[in-house]
Protein backbone atom coordinates (compact mmCIF):
# COMPACT_ATOMS: atom_id res chain seq x y z
CA MET A 1 30.57 22.86 -71.65
CA GLU A 2 32.31 19.51 -71.90
CA PHE A 3 35.19 21.38 -73.80
CA GLY A 4 38.73 20.89 -72.31
CA LYS A 5 37.21 18.72 -69.35
CA VAL A 6 40.00 16.66 -67.30
CA ALA A 7 39.35 14.59 -64.62
CA GLN A 8 38.84 16.25 -61.12
CA GLN A 9 41.96 14.52 -59.53
CA GLN A 10 44.11 16.33 -62.40
CA LEU A 11 42.84 19.67 -61.80
CA SER A 12 45.49 20.56 -58.86
CA PHE A 13 48.76 19.91 -61.20
CA ILE A 14 47.89 21.99 -64.16
CA ASP A 15 49.69 25.51 -64.84
CA TYR A 16 46.98 28.11 -64.89
CA THR A 17 49.43 30.81 -65.15
CA LEU A 18 48.14 33.22 -68.06
CA PRO A 19 50.56 33.29 -70.71
CA PRO A 20 52.18 36.62 -71.82
CA ASP A 21 49.85 39.11 -74.37
CA MET A 22 50.50 38.61 -78.14
CA PRO A 23 51.17 41.52 -80.14
CA VAL A 24 47.74 42.00 -81.54
CA THR A 25 46.68 42.80 -78.18
CA ALA A 26 49.37 45.97 -77.58
CA ALA A 27 48.17 47.26 -80.89
CA SER A 28 44.27 46.99 -79.62
CA LEU A 29 45.14 48.56 -76.26
CA GLN A 30 47.82 51.37 -77.31
CA ARG A 31 45.31 54.28 -76.64
CA LYS A 32 45.00 55.12 -72.85
CA ASN A 33 41.81 55.00 -71.66
CA SER A 34 40.23 57.80 -69.31
CA ALA A 35 36.91 55.47 -68.60
CA GLN A 36 36.64 52.52 -66.64
CA PRO A 37 35.51 49.42 -69.28
CA GLU A 38 32.12 48.29 -68.90
CA VAL A 39 31.91 44.73 -67.25
CA TYR A 40 29.06 42.11 -67.89
CA VAL A 41 28.74 39.18 -66.04
CA GLY A 42 26.33 36.16 -66.78
CA CYS A 43 25.80 32.88 -66.96
CA SER A 44 25.14 30.57 -70.08
CA SER A 45 21.47 29.92 -69.31
CA TRP A 46 18.65 31.25 -67.35
CA ALA A 47 16.79 27.80 -66.90
CA GLN A 48 18.14 26.24 -63.92
CA LYS A 49 15.91 24.91 -61.60
CA VAL A 50 18.41 24.39 -58.81
CA TRP A 51 18.53 28.48 -58.38
CA LYS A 52 15.19 27.66 -57.18
CA GLY A 53 15.31 28.53 -53.39
CA ASN A 54 18.64 30.66 -53.43
CA LEU A 55 18.97 32.80 -56.26
CA TYR A 56 15.10 32.58 -57.57
CA PRO A 57 12.40 32.44 -55.01
CA PRO A 58 11.58 28.85 -54.23
CA LYS A 59 8.11 29.17 -55.96
CA THR A 60 9.47 30.71 -59.14
CA ARG A 61 7.46 29.40 -62.40
CA ASP A 62 9.92 28.27 -65.33
CA ALA A 63 8.16 31.00 -67.57
CA ASP A 64 9.30 33.44 -65.15
CA PHE A 65 12.94 32.38 -64.63
CA LEU A 66 14.24 34.96 -67.09
CA GLN A 67 12.80 37.85 -65.35
CA GLU A 68 14.18 36.61 -62.28
CA TYR A 69 17.87 35.92 -63.64
CA VAL A 70 17.85 39.69 -64.76
CA LYS A 71 17.61 41.03 -61.31
CA HIS A 72 21.09 39.51 -60.76
CA PHE A 73 22.88 39.52 -64.03
CA ASN A 74 23.55 42.00 -66.73
CA MET A 75 24.42 39.67 -69.34
CA ILE A 76 23.41 36.01 -70.77
CA GLU A 77 25.54 33.92 -72.84
CA LEU A 78 22.72 33.20 -75.25
CA ASN A 79 23.72 29.44 -76.22
CA THR A 80 19.96 28.31 -77.49
CA THR A 81 20.23 30.27 -80.64
CA HIS A 82 22.86 28.04 -81.92
CA TYR A 83 20.67 24.57 -81.76
CA ARG A 84 17.41 26.59 -83.29
CA MET A 85 16.83 29.41 -85.39
CA TYR A 86 13.90 31.99 -83.73
CA ASP A 87 12.39 34.67 -85.45
CA ALA A 88 11.92 38.33 -84.65
CA GLU A 89 8.81 37.53 -82.42
CA ALA A 90 10.57 35.10 -80.36
CA ILE A 91 13.27 37.41 -79.66
CA ARG A 92 11.24 40.42 -78.92
CA LYS A 93 9.46 38.57 -76.18
CA TRP A 94 12.26 37.36 -74.60
CA LYS A 95 13.70 41.43 -74.70
CA ASP A 96 10.44 42.42 -73.24
CA LYS A 97 10.99 39.99 -70.07
CA ALA A 98 14.44 41.63 -69.31
CA SER A 99 13.05 44.83 -69.50
CA ALA A 100 13.49 45.43 -65.76
CA ASN A 101 17.28 45.69 -66.19
CA PRO A 102 18.06 48.42 -68.68
CA HIS A 103 21.76 47.89 -68.98
CA PHE A 104 21.10 43.87 -69.53
CA LYS A 105 22.93 42.83 -72.80
CA PHE A 106 21.90 39.26 -74.88
CA CYS A 107 25.23 37.71 -76.36
CA PRO A 108 23.89 34.94 -79.13
CA LYS A 109 25.94 32.20 -80.37
CA PHE A 110 25.62 31.88 -84.25
CA ASN A 111 23.37 29.17 -85.28
CA GLN A 112 25.02 25.71 -86.27
CA LEU A 113 24.04 25.56 -89.38
CA ILE A 114 25.98 28.27 -90.29
CA SER A 115 29.21 26.93 -88.64
CA HIS A 116 29.17 23.59 -88.18
CA ILE A 117 26.93 22.28 -90.90
CA LYS A 118 27.34 24.55 -93.54
CA ARG A 119 30.68 25.69 -92.31
CA LEU A 120 30.72 28.95 -93.52
CA LYS A 121 30.20 28.10 -97.05
CA GLY A 122 27.38 29.11 -98.93
CA ALA A 123 25.80 30.16 -95.84
CA ASP A 124 24.94 34.21 -96.80
CA GLU A 125 21.10 33.62 -96.65
CA ILE A 126 21.06 32.09 -93.79
CA THR A 127 23.34 34.36 -91.82
CA THR A 128 21.42 37.24 -93.06
CA ASP A 129 18.52 35.35 -91.50
CA PHE A 130 20.09 34.77 -88.46
CA LEU A 131 21.39 38.36 -87.96
CA THR A 132 17.80 39.82 -88.88
CA SER A 133 16.19 38.23 -86.00
CA MET A 134 18.78 39.06 -83.43
CA LEU A 135 18.32 42.64 -84.49
CA ALA A 136 14.92 42.69 -82.57
CA PHE A 137 16.76 42.52 -79.36
CA GLU A 138 17.71 46.35 -79.90
CA GLU A 139 19.29 48.21 -77.57
CA LYS A 140 19.77 44.92 -75.57
CA LEU A 141 21.45 43.23 -78.18
CA GLY A 142 25.23 42.35 -77.09
CA PRO A 143 28.11 40.72 -78.88
CA LEU A 144 27.60 37.81 -80.77
CA PHE A 145 30.00 34.75 -81.24
CA LEU A 146 30.78 32.97 -83.83
CA GLN A 147 32.54 29.49 -82.42
CA LEU A 148 33.68 27.37 -85.13
CA ASN A 149 34.05 23.19 -84.61
CA ASP A 150 37.31 22.20 -83.11
CA ASN A 151 37.94 19.95 -86.84
CA PHE A 152 37.59 23.50 -88.14
CA THR A 153 41.15 23.81 -89.40
CA PRO A 154 43.40 26.42 -90.80
CA LYS A 155 43.30 24.75 -94.30
CA ASP A 156 39.97 26.58 -94.29
CA PHE A 157 41.60 29.93 -93.80
CA SER A 158 40.39 31.27 -97.04
CA VAL A 159 36.92 30.17 -96.27
CA LEU A 160 37.01 32.11 -92.75
CA LYS A 161 38.65 35.26 -94.31
CA ALA A 162 36.00 35.23 -96.74
CA PHE A 163 32.97 34.77 -94.13
CA LEU A 164 34.48 37.61 -91.76
CA GLU A 165 35.01 40.12 -94.40
CA SER A 166 31.03 39.13 -95.75
CA LEU A 167 29.99 40.07 -91.64
CA PRO A 168 28.53 43.87 -91.35
CA ARG A 169 30.89 46.10 -89.57
CA ASP A 170 28.07 47.67 -87.45
CA LEU A 171 27.66 44.73 -85.03
CA GLU A 172 29.85 43.51 -82.20
CA ILE A 173 31.04 40.26 -83.18
CA PHE A 174 33.58 37.57 -81.83
CA LEU A 175 35.09 34.74 -83.01
CA GLU A 176 36.09 31.20 -81.18
CA LEU A 177 38.52 29.21 -82.74
CA ARG A 178 39.15 25.37 -81.35
CA HIS A 179 41.62 23.42 -83.21
CA ARG A 180 45.12 23.40 -81.87
CA ASP A 181 46.79 24.62 -85.14
CA TRP A 182 45.14 28.07 -84.86
CA PHE A 183 47.53 28.37 -81.79
CA GLY A 184 50.15 25.73 -82.01
CA VAL A 185 51.33 27.52 -85.50
CA PRO A 186 52.68 31.03 -85.05
CA GLN A 187 52.31 32.12 -88.48
CA THR A 188 48.70 30.96 -88.60
CA ARG A 189 48.03 32.46 -85.58
CA ASP A 190 49.07 35.87 -86.26
CA ALA A 191 47.66 35.53 -89.53
CA VAL A 192 43.92 35.14 -88.26
CA PHE A 193 44.53 37.36 -85.51
CA GLU A 194 45.51 40.47 -87.60
CA LEU A 195 42.68 39.21 -90.12
CA MET A 196 40.15 40.00 -87.22
CA HIS A 197 42.21 42.87 -85.87
CA ARG A 198 41.64 44.23 -89.44
CA LEU A 199 38.22 43.89 -89.41
CA GLY A 200 37.09 44.55 -85.90
CA ILE A 201 36.20 41.55 -84.90
CA GLY A 202 37.08 40.17 -81.27
CA ALA A 203 38.42 36.67 -80.04
CA ILE A 204 36.91 34.79 -77.56
CA VAL A 205 39.04 33.54 -74.74
CA THR A 206 38.16 29.95 -73.68
CA ASP A 207 39.19 29.16 -70.41
CA THR A 208 39.30 25.56 -69.25
CA ALA A 209 41.51 23.36 -67.99
CA GLY A 210 42.17 20.74 -70.49
CA ARG A 211 43.19 23.31 -73.29
CA ARG A 212 45.08 25.86 -72.02
CA ASP A 213 46.31 26.54 -75.84
CA VAL A 214 42.95 28.37 -76.19
CA VAL A 215 43.70 30.93 -73.62
CA HIS A 216 45.41 32.86 -76.33
CA MET A 217 45.58 36.48 -74.65
CA GLY A 218 45.08 37.84 -77.84
CA LEU A 219 42.75 41.02 -78.29
CA PRO A 220 42.07 41.91 -81.72
CA THR A 221 39.88 44.35 -80.45
CA PRO A 222 39.76 46.55 -77.42
CA ALA A 223 37.61 44.11 -75.59
CA LEU A 224 37.33 40.69 -73.63
CA PHE A 225 34.83 38.27 -73.96
CA LEU A 226 35.53 35.18 -71.78
CA ARG A 227 34.30 31.88 -72.08
CA PHE A 228 35.25 30.47 -68.43
CA VAL A 229 34.65 26.54 -67.86
CA GLY A 230 34.90 26.12 -63.71
CA ASN A 231 34.83 22.89 -62.10
CA ALA A 232 32.21 23.31 -59.24
CA LEU A 233 34.11 25.54 -57.21
CA HIS A 234 37.72 23.20 -56.86
CA PRO A 235 39.81 25.58 -55.33
CA THR A 236 41.50 26.19 -58.80
CA ASP A 237 38.48 27.93 -60.04
CA TYR A 238 39.70 30.80 -57.79
CA VAL A 239 43.48 30.34 -58.43
CA ARG A 240 42.40 30.94 -62.40
CA MET A 241 39.90 33.99 -61.54
CA ASP A 242 42.34 35.77 -59.15
CA GLU A 243 45.01 35.55 -62.60
CA TRP A 244 42.09 37.11 -64.92
CA ILE A 245 41.43 40.16 -62.49
CA GLU A 246 45.12 40.62 -62.60
CA ARG A 247 45.05 40.38 -66.07
CA ILE A 248 42.18 42.66 -66.83
CA LYS A 249 43.39 45.48 -64.34
CA GLU A 250 46.68 45.62 -66.47
CA TRP A 251 44.62 45.76 -69.60
CA SER A 252 42.55 48.53 -67.88
CA LYS A 253 45.44 50.72 -67.91
CA GLY A 254 45.35 50.91 -71.89
CA CYS A 255 41.93 51.49 -73.49
CA LEU A 256 40.14 48.18 -72.98
CA LYS A 257 36.53 49.02 -73.29
CA SER A 258 34.45 46.13 -72.45
CA VAL A 259 34.66 42.84 -70.59
CA TYR A 260 32.16 40.09 -71.12
CA LEU A 261 31.97 36.94 -68.81
CA GLY A 262 30.25 33.86 -69.67
CA MET A 263 30.09 31.61 -66.53
CA HIS A 264 29.68 27.96 -67.27
CA GLN A 265 30.12 25.21 -64.36
CA SER A 266 30.05 21.39 -64.45
CA ASP A 267 27.40 21.75 -61.14
CA GLU A 268 25.01 24.71 -62.36
CA VAL A 269 24.51 25.59 -58.57
CA ALA A 270 28.16 27.05 -58.37
CA ALA A 271 28.18 29.61 -61.75
CA PRO A 272 26.52 32.30 -59.74
CA VAL A 273 28.81 32.06 -56.87
CA LEU A 274 32.15 32.21 -58.91
CA CYS A 275 30.38 34.99 -60.70
CA ASP A 276 29.56 36.93 -57.68
CA TYR A 277 33.24 36.26 -56.55
CA PHE A 278 34.66 37.92 -59.59
CA ILE A 279 32.59 40.92 -59.65
CA GLU A 280 33.39 41.22 -55.72
CA ARG A 281 37.23 40.96 -56.84
CA ILE A 282 36.85 43.27 -59.93
CA ASN A 283 35.14 46.17 -57.82
CA ASN A 284 37.42 46.08 -55.29
CA GLU A 285 40.42 46.30 -57.93
CA LEU A 286 39.22 48.75 -60.39
CA ASN A 287 36.93 50.52 -57.88
CA MET A 288 34.00 49.70 -60.03
CA SER A 289 30.49 49.29 -58.49
CA ILE A 290 29.03 46.43 -60.14
CA ALA A 291 25.94 44.96 -58.62
CA ARG A 292 26.27 41.61 -57.17
CA PRO A 293 24.30 38.67 -58.06
CA PHE A 294 23.46 38.25 -54.14
CA ASN A 295 22.02 41.23 -52.32
CA THR A 296 19.53 39.30 -50.26
CA PRO A 297 20.45 35.32 -50.20
CA GLU A 298 18.63 33.04 -48.96
CA PRO A 299 19.71 31.57 -45.18
CA ASN A 300 21.52 28.17 -45.09
CA THR A 301 22.36 27.78 -48.66
CA LEU A 302 25.53 27.30 -50.75
CA PHE A 303 25.60 31.16 -51.43
CA ASN A 304 26.29 32.04 -47.95
CA GLN A 305 28.93 29.45 -47.12
């Protein structure tokens, strides 16, 4: 992911402190939850040849990558649905390949015809087609997320409002806003987060080094969907992850129901490593037992360092 990318030499000079919670977060988490949140951790693609010989067996065929992926993670941020419309038959094939992990979730990204080309206008038919095909995931369907172009501004608030109000309420949906004015103008920020809170639509948090404004700490629903953009295991990746562990730990004192972490890395061989670090930390801090990716890692690989 190139969004918010900065030069390597600038990384150590950025303040990664997470901002205070927005008021909507307190409203979403106000009830005490006796159970720990469900935590889902994964990457943005299963088709990573660089994982052969460490995460995947050395001779894994491309066609078998998904079956191997689900042995290590319990979710996938499914970005391929943004670029191509898939029919129900294709979706069912993916679902079947993930059958070995009963807890696995696919988290599809809304197709770009809806979000970037039609820009939410006159998109009812294509949205219905998209959502209908995603239902073929059945019990393995996780939250869907709608990412808007970074040139989609608050001037189109009425368009956004009408579109969000048209979405079915029985699906878990998250919204990713990118234009600076959604966050830089308090009145606008409060209005859009209140809309999401009323409709039960979550807000994506995108943690990327060069756009700290989108790290907004607003939860319109009692769920966190974090898209984490790392920098090939630069020391600041761990600083940022530690910040998130502390905030999730605090939110878990309320009624935080679920956490979804979609890991992005400039060097994809590093993505499972930071996923593993996150899981180890959250297991320790929240007394959980989430399965870690590298139960039997190959010797002498990056994953053992």
